[in-house]
C-alpha cells in the first residue's frame, strides 16, 4: 500500500495533515517532501492525523523526528493524533516522542491546545 497525505491549512496557525497507508522506506521521502513545503512561520502548529496510518517503520520514525525537529527549531509544535494501536505501540517501544504530543483523538488535542492558549494569555 502506498502513502496518501492530505494537508488542510486552517486558521490560527494550525495545519492538519492526514496520513494514510504505510510510512516506511519507500514512502518516507514523499512524507518529508510534503511536510517540508508547509510554511512553519504561517503554521507553527501541525497536527498529524494518524487514524489511517497502518504501519510505521524505522525510516518512517526518522521522518517523524525530522518533522518534529524542523517545527521545534522554528518555535513550532508537531502533534500526533489518532494513532492506530499498532503504530502507538511503536511509539511506546521507542519512547522517543514525548507522550505530551500524542493524543488519542482530536477532542483531547483540542483541550490541550485550548489550555496552552489560555496559559499564554495569562502570561
N, C-alpha and C. Protein backbone atom coordinates (compact mmCIF):
# COMPACT_ATOMS: atom_id res chain seq x y z
N UNK A 1 0.85 -1.19 0.00
CA UNK A 1 0.00 0.00 0.00
C UNK A 1 0.88 1.24 0.00
N UNK A 2 0.47 2.22 -0.72
CA UNK A 2 1.22 3.47 -0.80
C UNK A 2 0.82 4.39 0.35
N UNK A 3 1.33 5.59 0.30
CA UNK A 3 1.06 6.60 1.32
C UNK A 3 0.24 7.72 0.70
N UNK A 4 -0.81 8.13 1.39
CA UNK A 4 -1.64 9.26 0.96
C UNK A 4 -1.52 10.32 2.03
N UNK A 5 -1.20 11.54 1.62
CA UNK A 5 -1.02 12.65 2.55
C UNK A 5 -1.87 13.81 2.08
N UNK A 6 -2.79 14.25 2.92
CA UNK A 6 -3.63 15.41 2.62
C UNK A 6 -3.34 16.49 3.65
N UNK A 7 -3.07 17.70 3.18
CA UNK A 7 -2.75 18.82 4.04
C UNK A 7 -3.92 19.80 4.04
N UNK A 8 -4.42 20.14 5.24
CA UNK A 8 -5.51 21.08 5.40
C UNK A 8 -5.00 22.24 6.25
N UNK A 9 -4.89 23.39 5.62
CA UNK A 9 -4.39 24.57 6.31
C UNK A 9 -5.57 25.32 6.91
N UNK A 10 -5.53 25.48 8.23
CA UNK A 10 -6.63 26.12 8.93
C UNK A 10 -6.28 27.51 9.41
N UNK A 11 -7.10 28.01 10.30
CA UNK A 11 -6.92 29.34 10.86
C UNK A 11 -6.11 29.27 12.15
N UNK A 12 -5.58 30.40 12.53
CA UNK A 12 -4.88 30.49 13.81
C UNK A 12 -3.56 29.75 13.84
N UNK A 13 -2.93 29.56 12.68
CA UNK A 13 -1.63 28.90 12.65
C UNK A 13 -1.67 27.39 12.77
N UNK A 14 -2.86 26.81 12.59
CA UNK A 14 -2.99 25.36 12.71
C UNK A 14 -3.08 24.71 11.34
N UNK A 15 -2.45 23.58 11.23
CA UNK A 15 -2.46 22.81 9.99
C UNK A 15 -2.69 21.34 10.34
N UNK A 16 -3.61 20.71 9.65
CA UNK A 16 -3.88 19.29 9.88
C UNK A 16 -3.37 18.51 8.68
N UNK A 17 -2.63 17.45 8.96
CA UNK A 17 -2.08 16.61 7.91
C UNK A 17 -2.60 15.19 8.14
N UNK A 18 -3.40 14.70 7.22
CA UNK A 18 -3.92 13.34 7.32
C UNK A 18 -2.96 12.40 6.59
N UNK A 19 -2.55 11.35 7.29
CA UNK A 19 -1.60 10.39 6.74
C UNK A 19 -2.28 9.02 6.71
N UNK A 20 -2.34 8.42 5.50
CA UNK A 20 -2.98 7.12 5.35
C UNK A 20 -2.06 6.18 4.58
N UNK A 21 -1.99 4.94 5.05
CA UNK A 21 -1.17 3.94 4.38
C UNK A 21 0.00 3.52 5.24
N UNK A 22 1.16 3.37 4.59
CA UNK A 22 2.38 2.91 5.27
C UNK A 22 3.46 3.98 5.18
N UNK A 23 4.04 4.30 6.33
CA UNK A 23 5.17 5.23 6.37
C UNK A 23 6.41 4.39 6.58
N UNK A 24 7.11 4.12 5.47
CA UNK A 24 8.24 3.20 5.52
C UNK A 24 9.36 3.69 4.60
N UNK A 25 10.32 2.84 4.32
CA UNK A 25 11.47 3.20 3.48
C UNK A 25 11.03 3.72 2.12
N UNK A 26 9.98 3.17 1.57
CA UNK A 26 9.54 3.53 0.23
C UNK A 26 8.73 4.82 0.20
N UNK A 27 8.15 5.23 1.32
CA UNK A 27 7.26 6.39 1.32
C UNK A 27 7.77 7.55 2.17
N UNK A 28 8.83 7.35 2.93
CA UNK A 28 9.32 8.39 3.85
C UNK A 28 9.74 9.66 3.12
N UNK A 29 10.39 9.53 1.98
CA UNK A 29 10.83 10.74 1.26
C UNK A 29 9.63 11.55 0.76
N UNK A 30 8.58 10.88 0.36
CA UNK A 30 7.35 11.58 -0.05
C UNK A 30 6.76 12.34 1.13
N UNK A 31 6.75 11.70 2.30
CA UNK A 31 6.25 12.33 3.52
C UNK A 31 7.10 13.56 3.85
N UNK A 32 8.43 13.40 3.82
CA UNK A 32 9.35 14.51 4.11
C UNK A 32 9.09 15.69 3.18
N UNK A 33 8.96 15.41 1.90
CA UNK A 33 8.77 16.46 0.91
C UNK A 33 7.44 17.19 1.13
N UNK A 34 6.40 16.44 1.39
CA UNK A 34 5.06 17.03 1.56
C UNK A 34 5.02 17.95 2.78
N UNK A 35 5.66 17.54 3.88
CA UNK A 35 5.66 18.37 5.08
C UNK A 35 6.63 19.54 4.97
N UNK A 36 7.69 19.38 4.21
CA UNK A 36 8.70 20.45 4.12
C UNK A 36 8.17 21.70 3.44
N UNK A 37 7.11 21.59 2.65
CA UNK A 37 6.58 22.76 1.96
C UNK A 37 5.53 23.51 2.78
N UNK A 38 5.15 22.97 3.93
CA UNK A 38 4.21 23.68 4.80
C UNK A 38 5.01 24.73 5.57
N UNK A 39 4.67 25.99 5.39
CA UNK A 39 5.39 27.11 6.00
C UNK A 39 5.22 27.09 7.52
N UNK A 40 6.33 26.85 8.21
CA UNK A 40 6.31 26.76 9.67
C UNK A 40 5.97 28.11 10.30
N UNK A 41 6.40 29.21 9.69
CA UNK A 41 6.10 30.53 10.26
C UNK A 41 4.60 30.83 10.17
N UNK A 42 3.94 30.33 9.14
CA UNK A 42 2.50 30.54 8.99
C UNK A 42 1.69 29.49 9.76
N UNK A 43 2.23 28.28 9.86
CA UNK A 43 1.53 27.18 10.53
C UNK A 43 2.47 26.53 11.56
N UNK A 44 2.65 27.19 12.71
CA UNK A 44 3.57 26.65 13.72
C UNK A 44 3.03 25.43 14.47
N UNK A 45 1.72 25.20 14.38
CA UNK A 45 1.13 24.01 15.00
C UNK A 45 0.65 23.11 13.88
N UNK A 46 1.30 21.94 13.77
CA UNK A 46 0.94 20.98 12.74
C UNK A 46 0.51 19.68 13.42
N UNK A 47 -0.71 19.27 13.14
CA UNK A 47 -1.26 18.05 13.72
C UNK A 47 -1.30 16.96 12.66
N UNK A 48 -0.64 15.86 12.96
CA UNK A 48 -0.68 14.70 12.06
C UNK A 48 -1.78 13.76 12.51
N UNK A 49 -2.79 13.61 11.68
CA UNK A 49 -3.86 12.66 11.96
C UNK A 49 -3.42 11.30 11.44
N UNK A 50 -3.15 10.39 12.35
CA UNK A 50 -2.62 9.07 12.01
C UNK A 50 -3.69 7.98 12.01
N UNK A 51 -4.95 8.37 11.97
CA UNK A 51 -6.01 7.36 12.03
C UNK A 51 -5.96 6.39 10.85
N UNK A 52 -5.40 6.81 9.73
CA UNK A 52 -5.30 5.94 8.57
C UNK A 52 -3.92 5.36 8.35
N UNK A 53 -3.00 5.61 9.28
CA UNK A 53 -1.65 5.07 9.16
C UNK A 53 -1.63 3.66 9.72
N UNK A 54 -1.38 2.69 8.85
CA UNK A 54 -1.44 1.29 9.27
C UNK A 54 -0.09 0.73 9.70
N UNK A 55 1.01 1.41 9.32
CA UNK A 55 2.33 0.86 9.59
C UNK A 55 3.35 1.99 9.61
N UNK A 56 4.31 1.92 10.52
CA UNK A 56 5.43 2.86 10.54
C UNK A 56 6.71 2.07 10.79
N UNK A 57 7.71 2.29 9.94
CA UNK A 57 9.00 1.62 10.08
C UNK A 57 10.00 2.58 10.71
N UNK A 58 11.23 2.12 10.86
CA UNK A 58 12.27 3.00 11.41
C UNK A 58 12.50 4.20 10.50
N UNK A 59 12.41 4.01 9.19
CA UNK A 59 12.54 5.13 8.26
C UNK A 59 11.39 6.12 8.46
N UNK A 60 10.21 5.61 8.71
CA UNK A 60 9.06 6.46 8.99
C UNK A 60 9.24 7.22 10.28
N UNK A 61 9.79 6.57 11.29
CA UNK A 61 10.06 7.25 12.57
C UNK A 61 11.08 8.36 12.36
N UNK A 62 12.10 8.12 11.57
CA UNK A 62 13.08 9.17 11.28
C UNK A 62 12.40 10.38 10.63
N UNK A 63 11.48 10.13 9.74
CA UNK A 63 10.74 11.23 9.10
C UNK A 63 9.91 12.01 10.11
N UNK A 64 9.29 11.30 11.03
CA UNK A 64 8.53 11.99 12.08
C UNK A 64 9.45 12.83 12.96
N UNK A 65 10.63 12.29 13.30
CA UNK A 65 11.60 13.04 14.11
C UNK A 65 12.06 14.28 13.37
N UNK A 66 12.32 14.15 12.06
CA UNK A 66 12.76 15.30 11.26
C UNK A 66 11.69 16.39 11.26
N UNK A 67 10.44 15.98 11.09
CA UNK A 67 9.34 16.95 11.08
C UNK A 67 9.22 17.63 12.44
N UNK A 68 9.34 16.86 13.49
CA UNK A 68 9.26 17.41 14.84
C UNK A 68 10.40 18.40 15.09
N UNK A 69 11.61 18.05 14.67
CA UNK A 69 12.77 18.91 14.87
C UNK A 69 12.63 20.19 14.05
N UNK A 70 12.18 20.08 12.81
CA UNK A 70 12.01 21.26 11.96
C UNK A 70 11.05 22.25 12.60
N UNK A 71 9.95 21.74 13.15
CA UNK A 71 8.99 22.62 13.81
C UNK A 71 9.55 23.18 15.11
N UNK A 72 10.18 22.34 15.90
CA UNK A 72 10.73 22.80 17.19
C UNK A 72 11.79 23.86 16.98
N UNK A 73 12.64 23.69 15.98
CA UNK A 73 13.69 24.67 15.68
C UNK A 73 13.10 26.03 15.31
N UNK A 74 11.89 26.04 14.79
CA UNK A 74 11.23 27.29 14.39
C UNK A 74 10.25 27.77 15.46
N UNK A 75 10.25 27.11 16.62
CA UNK A 75 9.34 27.50 17.69
C UNK A 75 7.95 26.93 17.54
N UNK A 76 7.80 25.97 16.66
CA UNK A 76 6.50 25.35 16.43
C UNK A 76 6.35 24.03 17.17
N UNK A 77 5.27 23.35 16.86
CA UNK A 77 4.97 22.11 17.57
C UNK A 77 4.32 21.11 16.62
N UNK A 78 4.78 19.86 16.69
CA UNK A 78 4.19 18.76 15.94
C UNK A 78 3.37 17.92 16.92
N UNK A 79 2.10 17.74 16.60
CA UNK A 79 1.20 16.94 17.44
C UNK A 79 0.74 15.73 16.64
N UNK A 80 0.66 14.60 17.29
CA UNK A 80 0.19 13.36 16.66
C UNK A 80 -1.15 12.99 17.27
N UNK A 81 -2.12 12.71 16.42
CA UNK A 81 -3.45 12.41 16.90
C UNK A 81 -3.98 11.15 16.22
N UNK A 82 -4.79 10.40 16.94
CA UNK A 82 -5.46 9.21 16.44
C UNK A 82 -4.54 8.08 15.98
N UNK A 83 -3.44 7.82 16.67
CA UNK A 83 -2.60 6.70 16.20
C UNK A 83 -3.32 5.37 16.38
N UNK A 84 -3.20 4.51 15.38
CA UNK A 84 -3.74 3.17 15.48
C UNK A 84 -2.94 2.40 16.55
N UNK A 85 -3.54 1.37 17.17
CA UNK A 85 -2.84 0.65 18.25
C UNK A 85 -1.46 0.13 17.85
N UNK A 86 -1.30 -0.39 16.65
CA UNK A 86 -0.01 -0.93 16.24
C UNK A 86 1.04 0.18 16.07
N UNK A 87 0.61 1.35 15.63
CA UNK A 87 1.52 2.49 15.49
C UNK A 87 1.84 3.05 16.87
N UNK A 88 0.84 3.17 17.72
CA UNK A 88 1.06 3.66 19.10
C UNK A 88 2.05 2.76 19.83
N UNK A 89 1.97 1.46 19.59
CA UNK A 89 2.88 0.52 20.23
C UNK A 89 4.33 0.82 19.83
N UNK A 90 4.56 1.14 18.56
CA UNK A 90 5.91 1.50 18.11
C UNK A 90 6.38 2.74 18.87
N UNK A 91 5.52 3.76 18.99
CA UNK A 91 5.88 4.97 19.73
C UNK A 91 6.22 4.63 21.18
N UNK A 92 5.42 3.75 21.79
CA UNK A 92 5.66 3.37 23.18
C UNK A 92 6.97 2.61 23.35
N UNK A 93 7.28 1.73 22.40
CA UNK A 93 8.51 0.94 22.49
C UNK A 93 9.74 1.83 22.34
N UNK A 94 9.70 2.72 21.37
CA UNK A 94 10.85 3.59 21.10
C UNK A 94 11.00 4.67 22.16
N UNK A 95 9.89 5.15 22.68
CA UNK A 95 9.88 6.20 23.71
C UNK A 95 10.69 7.42 23.31
N UNK A 96 10.70 7.72 22.03
CA UNK A 96 11.46 8.87 21.55
C UNK A 96 10.59 10.10 21.35
N UNK A 97 9.29 9.90 21.26
CA UNK A 97 8.38 11.03 21.13
C UNK A 97 7.70 11.25 22.46
N UNK A 98 7.68 12.48 22.94
CA UNK A 98 7.04 12.73 24.25
C UNK A 98 5.55 12.43 24.19
N UNK A 99 5.07 11.77 25.21
CA UNK A 99 3.65 11.40 25.24
C UNK A 99 2.76 12.64 25.28
N UNK A 100 3.30 13.78 25.67
CA UNK A 100 2.51 15.01 25.70
C UNK A 100 2.18 15.51 24.30
N UNK A 101 2.80 14.94 23.26
CA UNK A 101 2.49 15.38 21.90
C UNK A 101 1.72 14.32 21.12
N UNK A 102 1.24 13.28 21.80
CA UNK A 102 0.47 12.21 21.16
C UNK A 102 -0.91 12.16 21.82
N UNK A 103 -1.96 12.27 21.01
CA UNK A 103 -3.32 12.35 21.54
C UNK A 103 -4.18 11.25 20.95
N UNK A 104 -5.05 10.70 21.78
CA UNK A 104 -5.91 9.60 21.36
C UNK A 104 -6.94 10.02 20.32
N UNK A 105 -7.36 11.29 20.38
CA UNK A 105 -8.36 11.78 19.44
C UNK A 105 -8.27 13.31 19.33
N UNK A 106 -9.03 13.88 18.43
CA UNK A 106 -8.96 15.32 18.19
C UNK A 106 -9.50 16.13 19.37
N UNK A 107 -10.49 15.62 20.08
CA UNK A 107 -11.02 16.34 21.23
C UNK A 107 -9.95 16.51 22.31
N UNK A 108 -9.20 15.46 22.55
CA UNK A 108 -8.12 15.52 23.53
C UNK A 108 -7.06 16.56 23.09
N UNK A 109 -6.73 16.56 21.81
CA UNK A 109 -5.77 17.53 21.29
C UNK A 109 -6.32 18.95 21.40
N UNK A 110 -7.59 19.15 21.09
CA UNK A 110 -8.18 20.49 21.19
C UNK A 110 -8.17 21.01 22.61
N UNK A 111 -8.43 20.13 23.59
CA UNK A 111 -8.37 20.55 25.01
C UNK A 111 -6.96 21.00 25.36
N UNK A 112 -5.96 20.27 24.88
CA UNK A 112 -4.56 20.62 25.13
C UNK A 112 -4.23 21.98 24.52
N UNK A 113 -4.61 22.18 23.26
CA UNK A 113 -4.32 23.44 22.58
C UNK A 113 -5.04 24.61 23.26
N UNK A 114 -6.27 24.38 23.69
CA UNK A 114 -7.03 25.42 24.40
C UNK A 114 -6.33 25.80 25.70
N UNK A 115 -5.87 24.80 26.45
CA UNK A 115 -5.17 25.07 27.71
C UNK A 115 -3.87 25.82 27.46
N UNK A 116 -3.15 25.47 26.40
CA UNK A 116 -1.89 26.15 26.09
C UNK A 116 -2.15 27.61 25.71
N UNK A 117 -3.22 27.88 24.99
CA UNK A 117 -3.55 29.25 24.61
C UNK A 117 -3.95 30.08 25.82
N UNK A 118 -4.72 29.48 26.71
CA UNK A 118 -5.10 30.18 27.94
C UNK A 118 -3.88 30.49 28.78
N UNK A 119 -2.94 29.54 28.84
CA UNK A 119 -1.71 29.72 29.60
C UNK A 119 -0.90 30.90 29.04
N UNK A 120 -0.77 30.97 27.71
CA UNK A 120 -0.01 32.05 27.08
C UNK A 120 -0.69 33.41 27.30
N UNK A 121 -2.00 33.44 27.32
CA UNK A 121 -2.72 34.70 27.51
C UNK A 121 -2.55 35.23 28.93
N UNK A 122 -2.35 34.33 29.89
CA UNK A 122 -2.23 34.76 31.28
C UNK A 122 -0.83 35.24 31.63
N UNK A 123 0.10 35.03 30.70
CA UNK A 123 1.50 35.44 30.97
C UNK A 123 1.67 36.91 30.71
